[in-house]
Structures are given as C-alpha cells and as structure tokens.
Amino acid sequence: MLMKTKNLNLYAKLTEAEKKFLLRHPLDAAPIALSREKAFAETKRKFGMNGHNDSSDAFRHCFWSAVLARDIGYACALEFTTLHESKLENPILEKEMDLHNNRVGLDIGKGGGSDSHLSTLCMSALINKRLKVIKQ
C-alpha cells in the first residue's frame, strides 16, 4: 500500500505531457518510477546528496536517462525525459543543462549494462566534462 501511495504522489507531480505519455505507455510507469528511485539513491551514494544545478544533479540526470534508455528503450526514454523538462516555469539554463545531461545518459543507456556499469559510465562522463553543470 505504501508503494501505491508513493507512486500516486509521484504521478500528481508529473506534467500533463508526462501523464499523457503514461496513458499511451502504461507498462513504462513502473520502470520510470523505479529509475527515478535508483537515480536519487545512486546520486546520494556517490555525492552524499542530491543537489541542484551542480555535479550531483548532472550525474543524476545522466544516470536516470541511462537506466530509462536501457529499460524502456531509447525512443520512449528520449520522449519522456524531454517531456519531463517541459514545465513552463523551468528556467532556460536549467532546461538546457538537464536536456543535455539526459541526452548523454540516453546514449550511454542504449548500450545496456548493469546499473553499476551505467553509473560508472555517467561518472566518467562527468569527470571528462561531457556533462553540463551550472554551479561548480
């Protein structure tokens, strides 16, 4: 019951575009929710926090997108991650940062691999400055 309540709370926070996506792709709802949890947990494990516009944020977006691309396919993951950034109140620099980091993650995830492998590749992308960061 706790998981259902948690997922309903997450659903309520989605954009209308994300909700429409899930109506068209109901089987992707569980992997999307799980990938979010994994991304927040892995970021906390690696950085000790989940920041905003910093390296941890860049990593989280990369890893989330990589897991999504692996689990629901590149095309659906690209569509969903793009819709996720569609909020009108999303500042342009943040949107550009997130979309860029999502795209790097999508490219990483289409190669498949374990969560650990995807995490390592996203961390490598961060270290090699392939990910965008607003705050240093």
N, C-alpha and C. Protein backbone atom coordinates (compact mmCIF):
# COMPACT_ATOMS: atom_id res chain seq x y z
N MET A 1 0.82 -1.19 0.00
CA MET A 1 0.00 0.00 0.00
C MET A 1 0.86 1.26 0.00
N LEU A 2 1.98 1.23 0.74
CA LEU A 2 2.87 2.38 0.80
C LEU A 2 3.40 2.71 -0.59
N MET A 3 3.77 1.68 -1.38
CA MET A 3 4.29 1.90 -2.73
C MET A 3 3.23 2.55 -3.62
N LYS A 4 1.97 2.11 -3.51
CA LYS A 4 0.90 2.71 -4.29
C LYS A 4 0.74 4.18 -3.96
N THR A 5 0.75 4.51 -2.68
CA THR A 5 0.61 5.90 -2.25
C THR A 5 1.79 6.73 -2.75
N LYS A 6 2.99 6.17 -2.66
CA LYS A 6 4.18 6.87 -3.14
C LYS A 6 4.08 7.14 -4.63
N ASN A 7 3.66 6.13 -5.40
CA ASN A 7 3.53 6.30 -6.84
C ASN A 7 2.43 7.29 -7.20
N LEU A 8 1.35 7.31 -6.44
CA LEU A 8 0.29 8.30 -6.69
C LEU A 8 0.79 9.71 -6.43
N ASN A 9 1.62 9.88 -5.38
CA ASN A 9 2.20 11.19 -5.11
C ASN A 9 3.13 11.61 -6.24
N LEU A 10 3.93 10.68 -6.76
CA LEU A 10 4.80 10.98 -7.88
C LEU A 10 3.99 11.35 -9.12
N TYR A 11 2.91 10.59 -9.36
CA TYR A 11 2.05 10.85 -10.52
C TYR A 11 1.47 12.26 -10.45
N ALA A 12 1.06 12.67 -9.28
CA ALA A 12 0.47 14.01 -9.11
C ALA A 12 1.45 15.12 -9.46
N LYS A 13 2.75 14.85 -9.33
CA LYS A 13 3.77 15.87 -9.60
C LYS A 13 4.18 15.92 -11.07
N LEU A 14 3.69 14.99 -11.89
CA LEU A 14 4.06 14.96 -13.30
C LEU A 14 3.41 16.09 -14.07
N THR A 15 4.06 16.49 -15.16
CA THR A 15 3.44 17.46 -16.07
C THR A 15 2.29 16.77 -16.79
N GLU A 16 1.41 17.56 -17.37
CA GLU A 16 0.30 16.98 -18.14
C GLU A 16 0.84 16.15 -19.30
N ALA A 17 1.92 16.61 -19.91
CA ALA A 17 2.52 15.87 -21.02
C ALA A 17 3.05 14.52 -20.57
N GLU A 18 3.66 14.47 -19.37
CA GLU A 18 4.15 13.20 -18.84
C GLU A 18 2.98 12.25 -18.56
N LYS A 19 1.90 12.78 -18.02
CA LYS A 19 0.72 11.96 -17.74
C LYS A 19 0.15 11.38 -19.02
N LYS A 20 0.10 12.18 -20.08
CA LYS A 20 -0.40 11.68 -21.38
C LYS A 20 0.52 10.58 -21.92
N PHE A 21 1.83 10.76 -21.74
CA PHE A 21 2.77 9.72 -22.15
C PHE A 21 2.44 8.41 -21.44
N LEU A 22 2.22 8.47 -20.14
CA LEU A 22 1.95 7.26 -19.37
C LEU A 22 0.62 6.62 -19.75
N LEU A 23 -0.34 7.42 -20.19
CA LEU A 23 -1.60 6.85 -20.68
C LEU A 23 -1.37 6.04 -21.96
N ARG A 24 -0.43 6.51 -22.78
CA ARG A 24 -0.09 5.81 -24.02
C ARG A 24 0.85 4.64 -23.78
N HIS A 25 1.63 4.71 -22.69
CA HIS A 25 2.65 3.70 -22.39
C HIS A 25 2.52 3.25 -20.93
N PRO A 26 1.39 2.65 -20.56
CA PRO A 26 1.18 2.30 -19.14
C PRO A 26 2.20 1.31 -18.59
N LEU A 27 2.75 0.46 -19.42
CA LEU A 27 3.73 -0.51 -18.93
C LEU A 27 5.06 0.14 -18.57
N ASP A 28 5.26 1.37 -19.01
CA ASP A 28 6.50 2.09 -18.69
C ASP A 28 6.43 2.81 -17.34
N ALA A 29 5.26 2.89 -16.75
CA ALA A 29 5.10 3.64 -15.49
C ALA A 29 5.99 3.08 -14.37
N ALA A 30 5.97 1.77 -14.18
CA ALA A 30 6.77 1.17 -13.10
C ALA A 30 8.27 1.34 -13.34
N PRO A 31 8.78 1.05 -14.55
CA PRO A 31 10.21 1.27 -14.77
C PRO A 31 10.62 2.75 -14.63
N ILE A 32 9.75 3.67 -14.99
CA ILE A 32 10.06 5.09 -14.85
C ILE A 32 10.16 5.44 -13.36
N ALA A 33 9.21 4.99 -12.58
CA ALA A 33 9.25 5.27 -11.14
C ALA A 33 10.47 4.63 -10.49
N LEU A 34 10.78 3.40 -10.87
CA LEU A 34 11.94 2.72 -10.30
C LEU A 34 13.25 3.40 -10.71
N SER A 35 13.32 3.85 -11.95
CA SER A 35 14.55 4.51 -12.41
C SER A 35 14.78 5.81 -11.65
N ARG A 36 13.71 6.50 -11.31
CA ARG A 36 13.82 7.72 -10.52
C ARG A 36 14.41 7.41 -9.14
N GLU A 37 13.85 6.38 -8.50
CA GLU A 37 14.36 5.98 -7.19
C GLU A 37 15.83 5.59 -7.26
N LYS A 38 16.19 4.81 -8.28
CA LYS A 38 17.57 4.39 -8.45
C LYS A 38 18.49 5.60 -8.64
N ALA A 39 18.05 6.56 -9.45
CA ALA A 39 18.89 7.73 -9.73
C ALA A 39 19.13 8.55 -8.47
N PHE A 40 18.08 8.78 -7.69
CA PHE A 40 18.25 9.54 -6.45
C PHE A 40 19.14 8.78 -5.46
N ALA A 41 18.95 7.46 -5.35
CA ALA A 41 19.74 6.66 -4.42
C ALA A 41 21.21 6.61 -4.84
N GLU A 42 21.46 6.40 -6.12
CA GLU A 42 22.84 6.31 -6.60
C GLU A 42 23.56 7.65 -6.47
N THR A 43 22.84 8.73 -6.73
CA THR A 43 23.44 10.06 -6.58
C THR A 43 23.78 10.32 -5.12
N LYS A 44 22.89 9.98 -4.22
CA LYS A 44 23.16 10.16 -2.79
C LYS A 44 24.36 9.31 -2.36
N ARG A 45 24.45 8.09 -2.90
CA ARG A 45 25.55 7.20 -2.57
C ARG A 45 26.88 7.79 -3.05
N LYS A 46 26.89 8.36 -4.24
CA LYS A 46 28.14 8.88 -4.82
C LYS A 46 28.52 10.26 -4.31
N PHE A 47 27.52 11.11 -4.05
CA PHE A 47 27.80 12.51 -3.72
C PHE A 47 27.41 12.90 -2.29
N GLY A 48 26.67 12.02 -1.62
CA GLY A 48 26.22 12.32 -0.27
C GLY A 48 24.99 13.21 -0.24
N MET A 49 24.47 13.56 -1.41
CA MET A 49 23.31 14.44 -1.51
C MET A 49 22.79 14.41 -2.95
N ASN A 50 21.63 15.02 -3.14
CA ASN A 50 21.06 15.25 -4.45
C ASN A 50 20.93 16.76 -4.60
N GLY A 51 21.91 17.37 -5.24
CA GLY A 51 21.94 18.82 -5.36
C GLY A 51 21.10 19.34 -6.52
N HIS A 52 21.27 20.63 -6.76
CA HIS A 52 20.51 21.31 -7.81
C HIS A 52 21.49 22.12 -8.67
N ASN A 53 21.53 21.83 -9.94
CA ASN A 53 22.38 22.51 -10.93
C ASN A 53 23.87 22.29 -10.70
N ASP A 54 24.23 21.29 -9.90
CA ASP A 54 25.63 21.00 -9.62
C ASP A 54 26.01 19.65 -10.23
N SER A 55 27.18 19.15 -9.87
CA SER A 55 27.66 17.88 -10.40
C SER A 55 26.74 16.72 -10.05
N SER A 56 26.20 16.74 -8.85
CA SER A 56 25.30 15.64 -8.46
C SER A 56 24.03 15.66 -9.31
N ASP A 57 23.53 16.83 -9.62
CA ASP A 57 22.34 16.97 -10.47
C ASP A 57 22.65 16.47 -11.88
N ALA A 58 23.80 16.86 -12.41
CA ALA A 58 24.19 16.42 -13.75
C ALA A 58 24.31 14.89 -13.80
N PHE A 59 24.96 14.32 -12.80
CA PHE A 59 25.10 12.86 -12.73
C PHE A 59 23.72 12.19 -12.64
N ARG A 60 22.85 12.72 -11.76
CA ARG A 60 21.53 12.11 -11.56
C ARG A 60 20.74 12.06 -12.87
N HIS A 61 20.76 13.17 -13.62
CA HIS A 61 20.05 13.19 -14.90
C HIS A 61 20.65 12.19 -15.88
N CYS A 62 21.96 12.12 -15.93
CA CYS A 62 22.63 11.18 -16.82
C CYS A 62 22.26 9.74 -16.46
N PHE A 63 22.39 9.41 -15.18
CA PHE A 63 22.13 8.04 -14.74
C PHE A 63 20.66 7.68 -14.93
N TRP A 64 19.75 8.59 -14.57
CA TRP A 64 18.32 8.34 -14.74
C TRP A 64 18.01 8.04 -16.20
N SER A 65 18.53 8.84 -17.09
CA SER A 65 18.26 8.66 -18.51
C SER A 65 18.89 7.38 -19.05
N ALA A 66 20.08 7.05 -18.56
CA ALA A 66 20.73 5.81 -18.98
C ALA A 66 19.91 4.60 -18.58
N VAL A 67 19.43 4.58 -17.35
CA VAL A 67 18.60 3.46 -16.88
C VAL A 67 17.31 3.40 -17.69
N LEU A 68 16.70 4.55 -17.94
CA LEU A 68 15.47 4.57 -18.74
C LEU A 68 15.70 4.03 -20.15
N ALA A 69 16.77 4.48 -20.80
CA ALA A 69 17.05 4.02 -22.16
C ALA A 69 17.22 2.51 -22.19
N ARG A 70 17.90 1.99 -21.19
CA ARG A 70 18.09 0.54 -21.11
C ARG A 70 16.76 -0.18 -20.86
N ASP A 71 15.93 0.38 -19.97
CA ASP A 71 14.74 -0.35 -19.51
C ASP A 71 13.48 -0.14 -20.33
N ILE A 72 13.32 1.02 -20.96
CA ILE A 72 12.10 1.24 -21.76
C ILE A 72 12.42 1.53 -23.22
N GLY A 73 13.70 1.56 -23.57
CA GLY A 73 14.10 1.82 -24.94
C GLY A 73 14.45 3.29 -25.15
N TYR A 74 15.36 3.50 -26.07
CA TYR A 74 15.87 4.84 -26.33
C TYR A 74 14.77 5.84 -26.70
N ALA A 75 13.90 5.46 -27.65
CA ALA A 75 12.89 6.40 -28.16
C ALA A 75 11.91 6.82 -27.06
N CYS A 76 11.41 5.87 -26.29
CA CYS A 76 10.47 6.22 -25.21
C CYS A 76 11.17 7.01 -24.12
N ALA A 77 12.40 6.65 -23.81
CA ALA A 77 13.15 7.38 -22.79
C ALA A 77 13.43 8.81 -23.24
N LEU A 78 13.78 8.99 -24.51
CA LEU A 78 14.00 10.34 -25.05
C LEU A 78 12.72 11.16 -24.94
N GLU A 79 11.62 10.58 -25.34
CA GLU A 79 10.35 11.31 -25.27
C GLU A 79 10.00 11.69 -23.83
N PHE A 80 10.10 10.72 -22.91
CA PHE A 80 9.71 11.00 -21.54
C PHE A 80 10.64 12.02 -20.87
N THR A 81 11.94 11.88 -21.06
CA THR A 81 12.86 12.82 -20.42
C THR A 81 12.70 14.23 -20.99
N THR A 82 12.36 14.33 -22.26
CA THR A 82 12.11 15.65 -22.86
C THR A 82 10.83 16.24 -22.30
N LEU A 83 9.79 15.42 -22.18
CA LEU A 83 8.54 15.90 -21.58
C LEU A 83 8.74 16.32 -20.14
N HIS A 84 9.63 15.63 -19.45
CA HIS A 84 9.90 15.95 -18.04
C HIS A 84 10.42 17.37 -17.89
N GLU A 85 11.11 17.87 -18.88
CA GLU A 85 11.69 19.22 -18.83
C GLU A 85 10.76 20.27 -19.45
N SER A 86 9.52 19.90 -19.73
CA SER A 86 8.61 20.78 -20.45
C SER A 86 7.86 21.79 -19.58
N LYS A 87 8.12 21.82 -18.30
CA LYS A 87 7.43 22.78 -17.42
C LYS A 87 7.77 24.20 -17.87
N LEU A 88 6.76 25.03 -18.00
CA LEU A 88 6.98 26.42 -18.43
C LEU A 88 7.83 27.21 -17.47
N GLU A 89 7.73 26.89 -16.17
CA GLU A 89 8.49 27.63 -15.17
C GLU A 89 9.95 27.15 -15.05
N ASN A 90 10.33 26.17 -15.85
CA ASN A 90 11.69 25.64 -15.83
C ASN A 90 12.64 26.68 -16.46
N PRO A 91 13.56 27.27 -15.69
CA PRO A 91 14.48 28.27 -16.25
C PRO A 91 15.28 27.70 -17.42
N ILE A 92 15.51 28.51 -18.44
CA ILE A 92 16.12 28.05 -19.69
C ILE A 92 17.49 27.40 -19.48
N LEU A 93 18.34 27.98 -18.64
CA LEU A 93 19.67 27.37 -18.42
C LEU A 93 19.56 25.99 -17.76
N GLU A 94 18.62 25.85 -16.83
CA GLU A 94 18.41 24.56 -16.18
C GLU A 94 17.87 23.54 -17.18
N LYS A 95 16.94 23.98 -18.01
CA LYS A 95 16.37 23.10 -19.01
C LYS A 95 17.45 22.63 -19.98
N GLU A 96 18.28 23.56 -20.45
CA GLU A 96 19.37 23.19 -21.36
C GLU A 96 20.34 22.21 -20.70
N MET A 97 20.68 22.48 -19.45
CA MET A 97 21.58 21.58 -18.72
C MET A 97 20.97 20.19 -18.61
N ASP A 98 19.73 20.13 -18.17
CA ASP A 98 19.08 18.83 -17.95
C ASP A 98 18.91 18.06 -19.26
N LEU A 99 18.46 18.74 -20.32
CA LEU A 99 18.28 18.06 -21.60
C LEU A 99 19.62 17.52 -22.13
N HIS A 100 20.67 18.32 -21.99
CA HIS A 100 21.99 17.86 -22.42
C HIS A 100 22.42 16.62 -21.64
N ASN A 101 22.31 16.67 -20.33
CA ASN A 101 22.74 15.55 -19.49
C ASN A 101 21.86 14.32 -19.71
N ASN A 102 20.58 14.56 -19.97
CA ASN A 102 19.69 13.44 -20.32
C ASN A 102 20.15 12.78 -21.61
N ARG A 103 20.52 13.59 -22.59
CA ARG A 103 20.93 13.05 -23.90
C ARG A 103 22.21 12.21 -23.76
N VAL A 104 23.15 12.68 -22.97
CA VAL A 104 24.38 11.89 -22.73
C VAL A 104 23.99 10.56 -22.08
N GLY A 105 23.11 10.61 -21.08
CA GLY A 105 22.67 9.38 -20.42
C GLY A 105 21.93 8.44 -21.35
N LEU A 106 21.09 8.98 -22.22
CA LEU A 106 20.37 8.15 -23.18
C LEU A 106 21.34 7.41 -24.09
N ASP A 107 22.36 8.13 -24.55
CA ASP A 107 23.37 7.50 -25.41
C ASP A 107 24.12 6.40 -24.66
N ILE A 108 24.42 6.64 -23.40
CA ILE A 108 25.09 5.64 -22.58
C ILE A 108 24.18 4.42 -22.38
N GLY A 109 22.92 4.67 -22.05
CA GLY A 109 22.00 3.59 -21.73
C GLY A 109 21.61 2.71 -22.88
N LYS A 110 21.67 3.23 -24.11
CA LYS A 110 21.28 2.38 -25.23
C LYS A 110 22.26 1.24 -25.45
N GLY A 111 23.46 1.35 -24.84
CA GLY A 111 24.42 0.26 -24.91
C GLY A 111 24.15 -0.85 -23.90
N GLY A 112 23.21 -0.59 -22.98
CA GLY A 112 22.85 -1.60 -21.98
C GLY A 112 23.88 -1.71 -20.87
N GLY A 113 23.71 -2.70 -20.04
CA GLY A 113 24.62 -2.95 -18.94
C GLY A 113 23.91 -2.84 -17.60
N SER A 114 24.62 -3.24 -16.58
CA SER A 114 24.09 -3.21 -15.22
C SER A 114 23.98 -1.77 -14.72
N ASP A 115 23.25 -1.59 -13.63
CA ASP A 115 23.17 -0.27 -13.01
C ASP A 115 24.57 0.24 -12.66
N SER A 116 25.39 -0.64 -12.13
CA SER A 116 26.75 -0.27 -11.74
C SER A 116 27.56 0.20 -12.95
N HIS A 117 27.42 -0.50 -14.05
CA HIS A 117 28.13 -0.13 -15.28
C HIS A 117 27.66 1.24 -15.78
N LEU A 118 26.36 1.45 -15.79
CA LEU A 118 25.81 2.73 -16.25
C LEU A 118 26.25 3.86 -15.33
N SER A 119 26.29 3.59 -14.03
CA SER A 119 26.75 4.59 -13.07
C SER A 119 28.20 4.96 -13.34
N THR A 120 29.02 3.96 -13.59
CA THR A 120 30.44 4.21 -13.87
C THR A 120 30.60 5.05 -15.13
N LEU A 121 29.83 4.74 -16.16
CA LEU A 121 29.92 5.50 -17.41
C LEU A 121 29.44 6.94 -17.24
N CYS A 122 28.40 7.14 -16.44
CA CYS A 122 27.91 8.51 -16.19
C CYS A 122 28.92 9.28 -15.35
N MET A 123 29.54 8.64 -14.39
CA MET A 123 30.57 9.32 -13.60
C MET A 123 31.76 9.67 -14.48
N SER A 124 32.11 8.80 -15.37
CA SER A 124 33.19 9.08 -16.32
C SER A 124 32.83 10.27 -17.21
N ALA A 125 31.59 10.34 -17.64
CA ALA A 125 31.14 11.47 -18.46
C ALA A 125 31.25 12.77 -17.67
N LEU A 126 30.93 12.73 -16.40
CA LEU A 126 31.05 13.92 -15.55
C LEU A 126 32.52 14.33 -15.40
N ILE A 127 33.36 13.38 -15.07
CA ILE A 127 34.79 13.66 -14.87
C ILE A 127 35.43 14.20 -16.15
N ASN A 128 35.01 13.68 -17.28
CA ASN A 128 35.56 14.09 -18.58
C ASN A 128 34.85 15.32 -19.16
N LYS A 129 34.01 15.96 -18.34
CA LYS A 129 33.34 17.20 -18.69
C LYS A 129 32.40 17.08 -19.89
N ARG A 130 31.82 15.90 -20.05
CA ARG A 130 30.80 15.71 -21.09
C ARG A 130 29.42 16.12 -20.58
N LEU A 131 29.29 16.27 -19.25
CA LEU A 131 28.03 16.71 -18.66
C LEU A 131 28.10 18.21 -18.37
N LYS A 132 26.94 18.85 -18.49
CA LYS A 132 26.86 20.28 -18.19
C LYS A 132 26.51 20.50 -16.73
N VAL A 133 27.13 21.51 -16.15
CA VAL A 133 26.88 21.92 -14.76
C VAL A 133 26.76 23.43 -14.73
N ILE A 134 25.79 23.95 -14.01
CA ILE A 134 25.65 25.41 -13.87
C ILE A 134 26.45 25.90 -12.68
N LYS A 135 26.29 25.23 -11.52
CA LYS A 135 27.01 25.60 -10.31
C LYS A 135 28.21 24.69 -10.12
N GLN A 136 29.36 25.27 -9.84
CA GLN A 136 30.57 24.46 -9.60
C GLN A 136 30.65 24.03 -8.15
